[in-house]
Amino acid sequence: MSAEDLDNYETDAELSLYREYRDVIKLFKYVVETERRFYLANKVDFNVRSAGQDVYFDVQLSDAWVWDVYRSSRFVKNVRIVTFKDVNVEEVQQTDIDIPDDMQ
């Protein structure tokens, strides 16, 4: 396999992942972003915890989808994230406007 073949494979995989994301985002209520991953979820339980003088985040997701090009199955029943890094949780804004298929 040449370097160009590998680049084309990765580009196709990323484009496929984006298309899947575009198709499934309407099924979810929240977007959760961490330093390592990007998730869609329908339930988010966000807790700030402490360990001595350190503070960390303990986030539990239910009914989730994981943005990961190398996962064979991106739909996950439960996810637990424990991190000292930033976690961003946003509610997905549902819109009445649908983008026509020929414009996507």
PDB file of N, CA and C in Angstrom:
ATOM      1  N   MET A   1       0.851  -1.171   0.000  1.00  0.00           N
ATOM      2  CA  MET A   1       0.000   0.000   0.000  1.00  0.00           C
ATOM      3  C   MET A   1       0.899   1.237   0.000  1.00  0.00           C
ATOM      4  N   SER A   2       0.634   2.133  -0.910  1.00  0.00           N
ATOM      5  CA  SER A   2       1.444   3.346  -1.015  1.00  0.00           C
ATOM      6  C   SER A   2       0.959   4.399  -0.020  1.00  0.00           C
ATOM      7  N   ALA A   3       1.756   5.425   0.157  1.00  0.00           N
ATOM      8  CA  ALA A   3       1.388   6.528   1.055  1.00  0.00           C
ATOM      9  C   ALA A   3       0.133   7.226   0.533  1.00  0.00           C
ATOM     10  N   GLU A   4       0.021   7.333  -0.778  1.00  0.00           N
ATOM     11  CA  GLU A   4      -1.170   7.965  -1.368  1.00  0.00           C
ATOM     12  C   GLU A   4      -2.417   7.120  -1.108  1.00  0.00           C
ATOM     13  N   ASP A   5      -2.286   5.784  -1.223  1.00  0.00           N
ATOM     14  CA  ASP A   5      -3.414   4.894  -0.931  1.00  0.00           C
ATOM     15  C   ASP A   5      -3.854   5.039   0.523  1.00  0.00           C
ATOM     16  N   LEU A   6      -2.882   5.127   1.417  1.00  0.00           N
ATOM     17  CA  LEU A   6      -3.188   5.290   2.837  1.00  0.00           C
ATOM     18  C   LEU A   6      -3.887   6.621   3.096  1.00  0.00           C
ATOM     19  N   ASP A   7      -3.404   7.685   2.483  1.00  0.00           N
ATOM     20  CA  ASP A   7      -4.049   9.004   2.617  1.00  0.00           C
ATOM     21  C   ASP A   7      -5.479   8.962   2.102  1.00  0.00           C
ATOM     22  N   ASN A   8      -5.682   8.305   0.954  1.00  0.00           N
ATOM     23  CA  ASN A   8      -7.028   8.204   0.387  1.00  0.00           C
ATOM     24  C   ASN A   8      -7.949   7.401   1.291  1.00  0.00           C
ATOM     25  N   TYR A   9      -7.428   6.318   1.882  1.00  0.00           N
ATOM     26  CA  TYR A   9      -8.215   5.507   2.807  1.00  0.00           C
ATOM     27  C   TYR A   9      -8.641   6.331   4.017  1.00  0.00           C
ATOM     28  N   GLU A  10      -7.699   7.067   4.616  1.00  0.00           N
ATOM     29  CA  GLU A  10      -8.009   7.891   5.787  1.00  0.00           C
ATOM     30  C   GLU A  10      -8.991   9.001   5.445  1.00  0.00           C
ATOM     31  N   THR A  11      -8.833   9.622   4.290  1.00  0.00           N
ATOM     32  CA  THR A  11      -9.755  10.673   3.857  1.00  0.00           C
ATOM     33  C   THR A  11     -11.160  10.110   3.671  1.00  0.00           C
ATOM     34  N   ASP A  12     -11.268   8.955   3.027  1.00  0.00           N
ATOM     35  CA  ASP A  12     -12.576   8.320   2.831  1.00  0.00           C
ATOM     36  C   ASP A  12     -13.214   7.938   4.172  1.00  0.00           C
ATOM     37  N   ALA A  13     -12.410   7.439   5.106  1.00  0.00           N
ATOM     38  CA  ALA A  13     -12.928   7.051   6.425  1.00  0.00           C
ATOM     39  C   ALA A  13     -13.428   8.279   7.186  1.00  0.00           C
ATOM     40  N   GLU A  14     -12.694   9.378   7.133  1.00  0.00           N
ATOM     41  CA  GLU A  14     -13.117  10.606   7.812  1.00  0.00           C
ATOM     42  C   GLU A  14     -14.377  11.187   7.181  1.00  0.00           C
ATOM     43  N   LEU A  15     -14.476  11.141   5.865  1.00  0.00           N
ATOM     44  CA  LEU A  15     -15.674  11.623   5.184  1.00  0.00           C
ATOM     45  C   LEU A  15     -16.889  10.760   5.538  1.00  0.00           C
ATOM     46  N   SER A  16     -16.689   9.469   5.599  1.00  0.00           N
ATOM     47  CA  SER A  16     -17.762   8.552   6.002  1.00  0.00           C
ATOM     48  C   SER A  16     -18.214   8.834   7.426  1.00  0.00           C
ATOM     49  N   LEU A  17     -17.260   9.089   8.324  1.00  0.00           N
ATOM     50  CA  LEU A  17     -17.583   9.406   9.711  1.00  0.00           C
ATOM     51  C   LEU A  17     -18.370  10.708   9.793  1.00  0.00           C
ATOM     52  N   TYR A  18     -17.972  11.721   9.045  1.00  0.00           N
ATOM     53  CA  TYR A  18     -18.700  12.988   9.033  1.00  0.00           C
ATOM     54  C   TYR A  18     -20.133  12.778   8.551  1.00  0.00           C
ATOM     55  N   ARG A  19     -20.300  12.000   7.506  1.00  0.00           N
ATOM     56  CA  ARG A  19     -21.653  11.736   6.986  1.00  0.00           C
ATOM     57  C   ARG A  19     -22.507  11.007   8.017  1.00  0.00           C
ATOM     58  N   GLU A  20     -21.906  10.059   8.728  1.00  0.00           N
ATOM     59  CA  GLU A  20     -22.640   9.358   9.776  1.00  0.00           C
ATOM     60  C   GLU A  20     -23.043  10.338  10.874  1.00  0.00           C
ATOM     61  N   TYR A  21     -22.121  11.199  11.287  1.00  0.00           N
ATOM     62  CA  TYR A  21     -22.410  12.220  12.294  1.00  0.00           C
ATOM     63  C   TYR A  21     -23.576  13.091  11.849  1.00  0.00           C
ATOM     64  N   ARG A  22     -23.541  13.547  10.631  1.00  0.00           N
ATOM     65  CA  ARG A  22     -24.595  14.405  10.094  1.00  0.00           C
ATOM     66  C   ARG A  22     -25.950  13.701  10.126  1.00  0.00           C
ATOM     67  N   ASP A  23     -25.929  12.384   9.892  1.00  0.00           N
ATOM     68  CA  ASP A  23     -27.170  11.616   9.889  1.00  0.00           C
ATOM     69  C   ASP A  23     -27.703  11.339  11.299  1.00  0.00           C
ATOM     70  N   VAL A  24     -26.824  11.184  12.283  1.00  0.00           N
ATOM     71  CA  VAL A  24     -27.275  10.774  13.613  1.00  0.00           C
ATOM     72  C   VAL A  24     -27.436  11.920  14.605  1.00  0.00           C
ATOM     73  N   ILE A  25     -26.912  13.095  14.325  1.00  0.00           N
ATOM     74  CA  ILE A  25     -26.960  14.170  15.318  1.00  0.00           C
ATOM     75  C   ILE A  25     -28.387  14.503  15.743  1.00  0.00           C
ATOM     76  N   LYS A  26     -29.340  14.348  14.844  1.00  0.00           N
ATOM     77  CA  LYS A  26     -30.738  14.654  15.175  1.00  0.00           C
ATOM     78  C   LYS A  26     -31.322  13.679  16.195  1.00  0.00           C
ATOM     79  N   LEU A  27     -30.653  12.558  16.440  1.00  0.00           N
ATOM     80  CA  LEU A  27     -31.133  11.564  17.394  1.00  0.00           C
ATOM     81  C   LEU A  27     -30.714  11.880  18.824  1.00  0.00           C
ATOM     82  N   PHE A  28     -29.847  12.885  19.018  1.00  0.00           N
ATOM     83  CA  PHE A  28     -29.251  13.127  20.318  1.00  0.00           C
ATOM     84  C   PHE A  28     -29.558  14.513  20.845  1.00  0.00           C
ATOM     85  N   LYS A  29     -29.488  14.628  22.177  1.00  0.00           N
ATOM     86  CA  LYS A  29     -29.826  15.871  22.863  1.00  0.00           C
ATOM     87  C   LYS A  29     -28.596  16.695  23.243  1.00  0.00           C
ATOM     88  N   TYR A  30     -27.454  16.031  23.482  1.00  0.00           N
ATOM     89  CA  TYR A  30     -26.255  16.729  23.951  1.00  0.00           C
ATOM     90  C   TYR A  30     -25.026  16.409  23.101  1.00  0.00           C
ATOM     91  N   VAL A  31     -24.134  17.389  23.054  1.00  0.00           N
ATOM     92  CA  VAL A  31     -22.803  17.228  22.485  1.00  0.00           C
ATOM     93  C   VAL A  31     -21.826  17.355  23.653  1.00  0.00           C
ATOM     94  N   VAL A  32     -20.928  16.394  23.790  1.00  0.00           N
ATOM     95  CA  VAL A  32     -19.941  16.409  24.871  1.00  0.00           C
ATOM     96  C   VAL A  32     -18.560  16.328  24.232  1.00  0.00           C
ATOM     97  N   GLU A  33     -17.723  17.290  24.576  1.00  0.00           N
ATOM     98  CA  GLU A  33     -16.379  17.349  23.994  1.00  0.00           C
ATOM     99  C   GLU A  33     -15.344  17.316  25.109  1.00  0.00           C
ATOM    100  N   THR A  34     -14.374  16.427  24.967  1.00  0.00           N
ATOM    101  CA  THR A  34     -13.248  16.351  25.887  1.00  0.00           C
ATOM    102  C   THR A  34     -11.974  16.551  25.083  1.00  0.00           C
ATOM    103  N   GLU A  35     -10.859  16.528  25.767  1.00  0.00           N
ATOM    104  CA  GLU A  35      -9.577  16.658  25.073  1.00  0.00           C
ATOM    105  C   GLU A  35      -9.341  15.488  24.114  1.00  0.00           C
ATOM    106  N   ARG A  36      -9.851  14.317  24.473  1.00  0.00           N
ATOM    107  CA  ARG A  36      -9.573  13.104  23.701  1.00  0.00           C
ATOM    108  C   ARG A  36     -10.683  12.688  22.743  1.00  0.00           C
ATOM    109  N   ARG A  37     -11.945  13.033  23.055  1.00  0.00           N
ATOM    110  CA  ARG A  37     -13.055  12.506  22.268  1.00  0.00           C
ATOM    111  C   ARG A  37     -14.174  13.511  22.119  1.00  0.00           C
ATOM    112  N   PHE A  38     -15.068  13.190  21.194  1.00  0.00           N
ATOM    113  CA  PHE A  38     -16.273  13.958  20.920  1.00  0.00           C
ATOM    114  C   PHE A  38     -17.435  12.970  20.964  1.00  0.00           C
ATOM    115  N   TYR A  39     -18.477  13.293  21.717  1.00  0.00           N
ATOM    116  CA  TYR A  39     -19.616  12.385  21.895  1.00  0.00           C
ATOM    117  C   TYR A  39     -20.927  13.101  21.605  1.00  0.00           C
ATOM    118  N   LEU A  40     -21.912  12.322  21.220  1.00  0.00           N
ATOM    119  CA  LEU A  40     -23.309  12.737  21.217  1.00  0.00           C
ATOM    120  C   LEU A  40     -23.991  11.853  22.244  1.00  0.00           C
ATOM    121  N   ALA A  41     -24.931  12.403  23.016  1.00  0.00           N
ATOM    122  CA  ALA A  41     -25.603  11.601  24.036  1.00  0.00           C
ATOM    123  C   ALA A  41     -27.000  12.138  24.308  1.00  0.00           C
ATOM    124  N   ASN A  42     -27.854  11.271  24.831  1.00  0.00           N
ATOM    125  CA  ASN A  42     -29.197  11.692  25.205  1.00  0.00           C
ATOM    126  C   ASN A  42     -29.325  11.977  26.692  1.00  0.00           C
ATOM    127  N   LYS A  43     -28.379  11.501  27.490  1.00  0.00           N
ATOM    128  CA  LYS A  43     -28.384  11.799  28.924  1.00  0.00           C
ATOM    129  C   LYS A  43     -26.953  12.043  29.367  1.00  0.00           C
ATOM    130  N   VAL A  44     -26.756  13.121  30.134  1.00  0.00           N
ATOM    131  CA  VAL A  44     -25.438  13.473  30.653  1.00  0.00           C
ATOM    132  C   VAL A  44     -25.566  13.738  32.146  1.00  0.00           C
ATOM    133  N   ASP A  45     -24.759  13.045  32.926  1.00  0.00           N
ATOM    134  CA  ASP A  45     -24.679  13.266  34.363  1.00  0.00           C
ATOM    135  C   ASP A  45     -23.273  13.788  34.643  1.00  0.00           C
ATOM    136  N   PHE A  46     -23.164  15.075  34.980  1.00  0.00           N
ATOM    137  CA  PHE A  46     -21.888  15.766  35.115  1.00  0.00           C
ATOM    138  C   PHE A  46     -21.620  16.044  36.592  1.00  0.00           C
ATOM    139  N   ASN A  47     -20.497  15.559  37.104  1.00  0.00           N
ATOM    140  CA  ASN A  47     -20.149  15.755  38.510  1.00  0.00           C
ATOM    141  C   ASN A  47     -18.723  16.258  38.641  1.00  0.00           C
ATOM    142  N   VAL A  48     -18.551  17.225  39.533  1.00  0.00           N
ATOM    143  CA  VAL A  48     -17.217  17.724  39.879  1.00  0.00           C
ATOM    144  C   VAL A  48     -16.825  17.026  41.174  1.00  0.00           C
ATOM    145  N   ARG A  49     -15.667  16.390  41.153  1.00  0.00           N
ATOM    146  CA  ARG A  49     -15.201  15.633  42.313  1.00  0.00           C
ATOM    147  C   ARG A  49     -13.844  16.178  42.756  1.00  0.00           C
ATOM    148  N   SER A  50     -13.453  15.815  43.959  1.00  0.00           N
ATOM    149  CA  SER A  50     -12.137  16.237  44.429  1.00  0.00           C
ATOM    150  C   SER A  50     -11.374  15.035  44.956  1.00  0.00           C
ATOM    151  N   ALA A  51     -10.071  15.105  44.778  1.00  0.00           N
ATOM    152  CA  ALA A  51      -9.145  14.097  45.286  1.00  0.00           C
ATOM    153  C   ALA A  51      -8.014  14.878  45.947  1.00  0.00           C
ATOM    154  N   GLY A  52      -8.107  15.024  47.255  1.00  0.00           N
ATOM    155  CA  GLY A  52      -7.142  15.883  47.940  1.00  0.00           C
ATOM    156  C   GLY A  52      -7.396  17.319  47.536  1.00  0.00           C
ATOM    157  N   GLN A  53      -6.389  17.971  46.991  1.00  0.00           N
ATOM    158  CA  GLN A  53      -6.537  19.357  46.540  1.00  0.00           C
ATOM    159  C   GLN A  53      -6.882  19.446  45.059  1.00  0.00           C
ATOM    160  N   ASP A  54      -6.882  18.309  44.356  1.00  0.00           N
ATOM    161  CA  ASP A  54      -7.182  18.299  42.921  1.00  0.00           C
ATOM    162  C   ASP A  54      -8.679  18.149  42.679  1.00  0.00           C
ATOM    163  N   VAL A  55      -9.130  18.769  41.610  1.00  0.00           N
ATOM    164  CA  VAL A  55     -10.524  18.664  41.192  1.00  0.00           C
ATOM    165  C   VAL A  55     -10.551  17.959  39.841  1.00  0.00           C
ATOM    166  N   TYR A  56     -11.488  17.025  39.681  1.00  0.00           N
ATOM    167  CA  TYR A  56     -11.643  16.339  38.410  1.00  0.00           C
ATOM    168  C   TYR A  56     -13.122  16.211  38.068  1.00  0.00           C
ATOM    169  N   PHE A  57     -13.376  15.861  36.815  1.00  0.00           N
ATOM    170  CA  PHE A  57     -14.745  15.727  36.320  1.00  0.00           C
ATOM    171  C   PHE A  57     -15.072  14.253  36.116  1.00  0.00           C
ATOM    172  N   ASP A  58     -16.236  13.870  36.569  1.00  0.00           N
ATOM    173  CA  ASP A  58     -16.749  12.512  36.392  1.00  0.00           C
ATOM    174  C   ASP A  58     -18.056  12.659  35.613  1.00  0.00           C
ATOM    175  N   VAL A  59     -18.028  12.261  34.359  1.00  0.00           N
ATOM    176  CA  VAL A  59     -19.170  12.461  33.466  1.00  0.00           C
ATOM    177  C   VAL A  59     -19.677  11.098  33.007  1.00  0.00           C
ATOM    178  N   GLN A  60     -20.962  10.876  33.172  1.00  0.00           N
ATOM    179  CA  GLN A  60     -21.582   9.622  32.730  1.00  0.00           C
ATOM    180  C   GLN A  60     -22.544   9.948  31.593  1.00  0.00           C
ATOM    181  N   LEU A  61     -22.395   9.240  30.494  1.00  0.00           N
ATOM    182  CA  LEU A  61     -23.265   9.421  29.328  1.00  0.00           C
ATOM    183  C   LEU A  61     -24.089   8.161  29.121  1.00  0.00           C
ATOM    184  N   SER A  62     -25.328   8.342  28.721  1.00  0.00           N
ATOM    185  CA  SER A  62     -26.180   7.204  28.362  1.00  0.00           C
ATOM    186  C   SER A  62     -26.682   7.410  26.943  1.00  0.00           C
ATOM    187  N   ASP A  63     -26.852   6.293  26.239  1.00  0.00           N
ATOM    188  CA  ASP A  63     -27.340   6.328  24.861  1.00  0.00           C
ATOM    189  C   ASP A  63     -26.470   7.285  24.050  1.00  0.00           C
ATOM    190  N   ALA A  64     -25.240   6.862  23.784  1.00  0.00           N
ATOM    191  CA  ALA A  64     -24.239   7.759  23.204  1.00  0.00           C
ATOM    192  C   ALA A  64     -23.719   7.273  21.851  1.00  0.00           C
ATOM    193  N   TRP A  65     -23.093   8.200  21.160  1.00  0.00           N
ATOM    194  CA  TRP A  65     -22.405   7.949  19.893  1.00  0.00           C
ATOM    195  C   TRP A  65     -21.028   8.593  20.023  1.00  0.00           C
ATOM    196  N   VAL A  66     -19.981   7.882  19.619  1.00  0.00           N
ATOM    197  CA  VAL A  66     -18.598   8.341  19.779  1.00  0.00           C
ATOM    198  C   VAL A  66     -18.004   8.686  18.416  1.00  0.00           C
ATOM    199  N   TRP A  67     -17.416   9.886  18.324  1.00  0.00           N
ATOM    200  CA  TRP A  67     -16.709  10.294  17.100  1.00  0.00           C
ATOM    201  C   TRP A  67     -15.334   9.640  17.151  1.00  0.00           C
ATOM    202  N   ASP A  68     -15.183   8.533  16.459  1.00  0.00           N
ATOM    203  CA  ASP A  68     -13.902   7.825  16.419  1.00  0.00           C
ATOM    204  C   ASP A  68     -13.862   7.036  15.122  1.00  0.00           C
ATOM    205  N   VAL A  69     -13.011   7.454  14.227  1.00  0.00           N
ATOM    206  CA  VAL A  69     -12.953   6.865  12.891  1.00  0.00           C
ATOM    207  C   VAL A  69     -12.543   5.394  12.928  1.00  0.00           C
ATOM    208  N   TYR A  70     -11.855   4.968  13.987  1.00  0.00           N
ATOM    209  CA  TYR A  70     -11.338   3.601  14.025  1.00  0.00           C
ATOM    210  C   TYR A  70     -12.219   2.623  14.807  1.00  0.00           C
ATOM    211  N   ARG A  71     -13.324   3.091  15.369  1.00  0.00           N
ATOM    212  CA  ARG A  71     -14.247   2.193  16.084  1.00  0.00           C
ATOM    213  C   ARG A  71     -15.146   1.493  15.072  1.00  0.00           C
ATOM    214  N   SER A  72     -15.356   0.214  15.273  1.00  0.00           N
ATOM    215  CA  SER A  72     -16.265  -0.508  14.377  1.00  0.00           C
ATOM    216  C   SER A  72     -17.721  -0.218  14.727  1.00  0.00           C
ATOM    217  N   SER A  73     -17.994   0.048  16.000  1.00  0.00           N
ATOM    218  CA  SER A  73     -19.342   0.383  16.444  1.00  0.00           C
ATOM    219  C   SER A  73     -19.271   1.655  17.269  1.00  0.00           C
ATOM    220  N   ARG A  74     -19.888   2.707  16.779  1.00  0.00           N
ATOM    221  CA  ARG A  74     -19.809   3.997  17.459  1.00  0.00           C
ATOM    222  C   ARG A  74     -20.962   4.238  18.436  1.00  0.00           C
ATOM    223  N   PHE A  75     -22.012   3.434  18.356  1.00  0.00           N
ATOM    224  CA  PHE A  75     -23.124   3.565  19.295  1.00  0.00           C
ATOM    225  C   PHE A  75     -22.781   2.824  20.580  1.00  0.00           C
ATOM    226  N   VAL A  76     -22.925   3.516  21.722  1.00  0.00           N
ATOM    227  CA  VAL A  76     -22.522   2.962  23.015  1.00  0.00           C
ATOM    228  C   VAL A  76     -23.666   3.188  24.007  1.00  0.00           C
ATOM    229  N   LYS A  77     -23.968   2.160  24.796  1.00  0.00           N
ATOM    230  CA  LYS A  77     -25.050   2.277  25.776  1.00  0.00           C
ATOM    231  C   LYS A  77     -24.666   3.222  26.917  1.00  0.00           C
ATOM    232  N   ASN A  78     -23.490   3.050  27.496  1.00  0.00           N
ATOM    233  CA  ASN A  78     -23.021   3.876  28.609  1.00  0.00           C
ATOM    234  C   ASN A  78     -21.548   4.211  28.434  1.00  0.00           C
ATOM    235  N   VAL A  79     -21.199   5.438  28.801  1.00  0.00           N
ATOM    236  CA  VAL A  79     -19.808   5.896  28.746  1.00  0.00           C
ATOM    237  C   VAL A  79     -19.520   6.623  30.057  1.00  0.00           C
ATOM    238  N   ARG A  80     -18.351   6.366  30.606  1.00  0.00           N
ATOM    239  CA  ARG A  80     -17.903   7.119  31.779  1.00  0.00           C
ATOM    240  C   ARG A  80     -16.596   7.814  31.422  1.00  0.00           C
ATOM    241  N   ILE A  81     -16.566   9.109  31.671  1.00  0.00           N
ATOM    242  CA  ILE A  81     -15.385   9.927  31.406  1.00  0.00           C
ATOM    243  C   ILE A  81     -14.890  10.464  32.741  1.00  0.00           C
ATOM    244  N   VAL A  82     -13.648  10.211  33.062  1.00  0.00           N
ATOM    245  CA  VAL A  82     -13.023  10.756  34.268  1.00  0.00           C
ATOM    246  C   VAL A  82     -11.782  11.506  33.798  1.00  0.00           C
ATOM    247  N   THR A  83     -11.739  12.814  34.067  1.00  0.00           N
ATOM    248  CA  THR A  83     -10.649  13.621  33.535  1.00  0.00           C
ATOM    249  C   THR A  83     -10.373  14.840  34.410  1.00  0.00           C
ATOM    250  N   PHE A  84      -9.129  15.270  34.397  1.00  0.00           N
ATOM    251  CA  PHE A  84      -8.734  16.517  35.041  1.00  0.00           C
ATOM    252  C   PHE A  84      -8.800  17.673  34.035  1.00  0.00           C
ATOM    253  N   LYS A  85      -9.004  17.340  32.769  1.00  0.00           N
ATOM    254  CA  LYS A  85      -9.033  18.338  31.702  1.00  0.00           C
ATOM    255  C   LYS A  85     -10.444  18.888  31.518  1.00  0.00           C
ATOM    256  N   ASP A  86     -10.571  19.907  30.678  1.00  0.00           N
ATOM    257  CA  ASP A  86     -11.862  20.534  30.413  1.00  0.00           C
ATOM    258  C   ASP A  86     -12.837  19.570  29.754  1.00  0.00           C
ATOM    259  N   VAL A  87     -14.111  19.726  30.097  1.00  0.00           N
ATOM    260  CA  VAL A  87     -15.205  19.001  29.457  1.00  0.00           C
ATOM    261  C   VAL A  87     -16.245  20.037  29.066  1.00  0.00           C
ATOM    262  N   ASN A  88     -16.668  20.000  27.816  1.00  0.00           N
ATOM    263  CA  ASN A  88     -17.670  20.928  27.321  1.00  0.00           C
ATOM    264  C   ASN A  88     -18.947  20.150  27.021  1.00  0.00           C
ATOM    265  N   VAL A  89     -20.067  20.580  27.610  1.00  0.00           N
ATOM    266  CA  VAL A  89     -21.360  19.942  27.368  1.00  0.00           C
ATOM    267  C   VAL A  89     -22.296  20.999  26.806  1.00  0.00           C
ATOM    268  N   GLU A  90     -22.871  20.713  25.648  1.00  0.00           N
ATOM    269  CA  GLU A  90     -23.808  21.638  25.018  1.00  0.00           C
ATOM    270  C   GLU A  90     -25.080  20.899  24.654  1.00  0.00           C
ATOM    271  N   GLU A  91     -26.201  21.598  24.772  1.00  0.00           N
ATOM    272  CA  GLU A  91     -27.466  21.031  24.329  1.00  0.00           C
ATOM    273  C   GLU A  91     -27.593  21.282  22.830  1.00  0.00           C
ATOM    274  N   VAL A  92     -27.937  20.244  22.086  1.00  0.00           N
ATOM    275  CA  VAL A  92     -28.087  20.360  20.638  1.00  0.00           C
ATOM    276  C   VAL A  92     -29.325  21.189  20.346  1.00  0.00           C
ATOM    277  N   GLN A  93     -29.187  22.164  19.481  1.00  0.00           N
ATOM    278  CA  GLN A  93     -30.315  22.981  19.063  1.00  0.00           C
ATOM    279  C   GLN A  93     -30.988  22.317  17.866  1.00  0.00           C
ATOM    280  N   GLN A  94     -32.175  21.825  18.099  1.00  0.00           N
ATOM    281  CA  GLN A  94     -32.923  21.204  17.001  1.00  0.00           C
ATOM    282  C   GLN A  94     -33.488  22.326  16.136  1.00  0.00           C
ATOM    283  N   THR A  95     -33.398  22.161  14.843  1.00  0.00           N
ATOM    284  CA  THR A  95     -33.872  23.180  13.918  1.00  0.00           C
ATOM    285  C   THR A  95     -34.948  22.605  13.011  1.00  0.00           C
ATOM    286  N   ASP A  96     -35.805  23.463  12.574  1.00  0.00           N
ATOM    287  CA  ASP A  96     -36.857  23.042  11.649  1.00  0.00           C
ATOM    288  C   ASP A  96     -36.363  23.049  10.210  1.00  0.00           C
ATOM    289  N   ILE A  97     -35.153  23.539  10.004  1.00  0.00           N
ATOM    290  CA  ILE A  97     -34.607  23.638   8.648  1.00  0.00           C
ATOM    291  C   ILE A  97     -33.808  22.387   8.340  1.00  0.00           C
ATOM    292  N   ASP A  98     -34.193  21.696   7.288  1.00  0.00           N
ATOM    293  CA  ASP A  98     -33.442  20.533   6.822  1.00  0.00           C
ATOM    294  C   ASP A  98     -32.674  20.924   5.576  1.00  0.00           C
ATOM    295  N   ILE A  99     -31.426  20.528   5.531  1.00  0.00           N
ATOM    296  CA  ILE A  99     -30.599  20.806   4.354  1.00  0.00           C
ATOM    297  C   ILE A  99     -30.950  19.773   3.293  1.00  0.00           C
ATOM    298  N   PRO A 100     -31.289  20.215   2.089  1.00  0.00           N
ATOM    299  CA  PRO A 100     -31.596  19.272   1.009  1.00  0.00           C
ATOM    300  C   PRO A 100     -30.417  18.345   0.743  1.00  0.00           C
ATOM    301  N   ASP A 101     -30.708  17.093   0.396  1.00  0.00           N
ATOM    302  CA  ASP A 101     -29.659  16.102   0.158  1.00  0.00           C
ATOM    303  C   ASP A 101     -28.661  16.536  -0.896  1.00  0.00           C
ATOM    304  N   ASP A 102     -29.124  17.223  -1.939  1.00  0.00           N
ATOM    305  CA  ASP A 102     -28.210  17.610  -3.013  1.00  0.00           C
ATOM    306  C   ASP A 102     -27.267  18.744  -2.601  1.00  0.00           C
ATOM    307  N   MET A 103     -27.501  19.368  -1.447  1.00  0.00           N
ATOM    308  CA  MET A 103     -26.618  20.444  -0.968  1.00  0.00           C
ATOM    309  C   MET A 103     -25.670  19.954   0.117  1.00  0.00           C
ATOM    310  N   GLN A 104     -25.766  18.699   0.524  1.00  0.00           N
ATOM    311  CA  GLN A 104     -24.931  18.189   1.613  1.00  0.00           C
ATOM    312  C   GLN A 104     -23.659  17.585   1.117  1.00  0.00           C
TER     313      GLN A 104
END
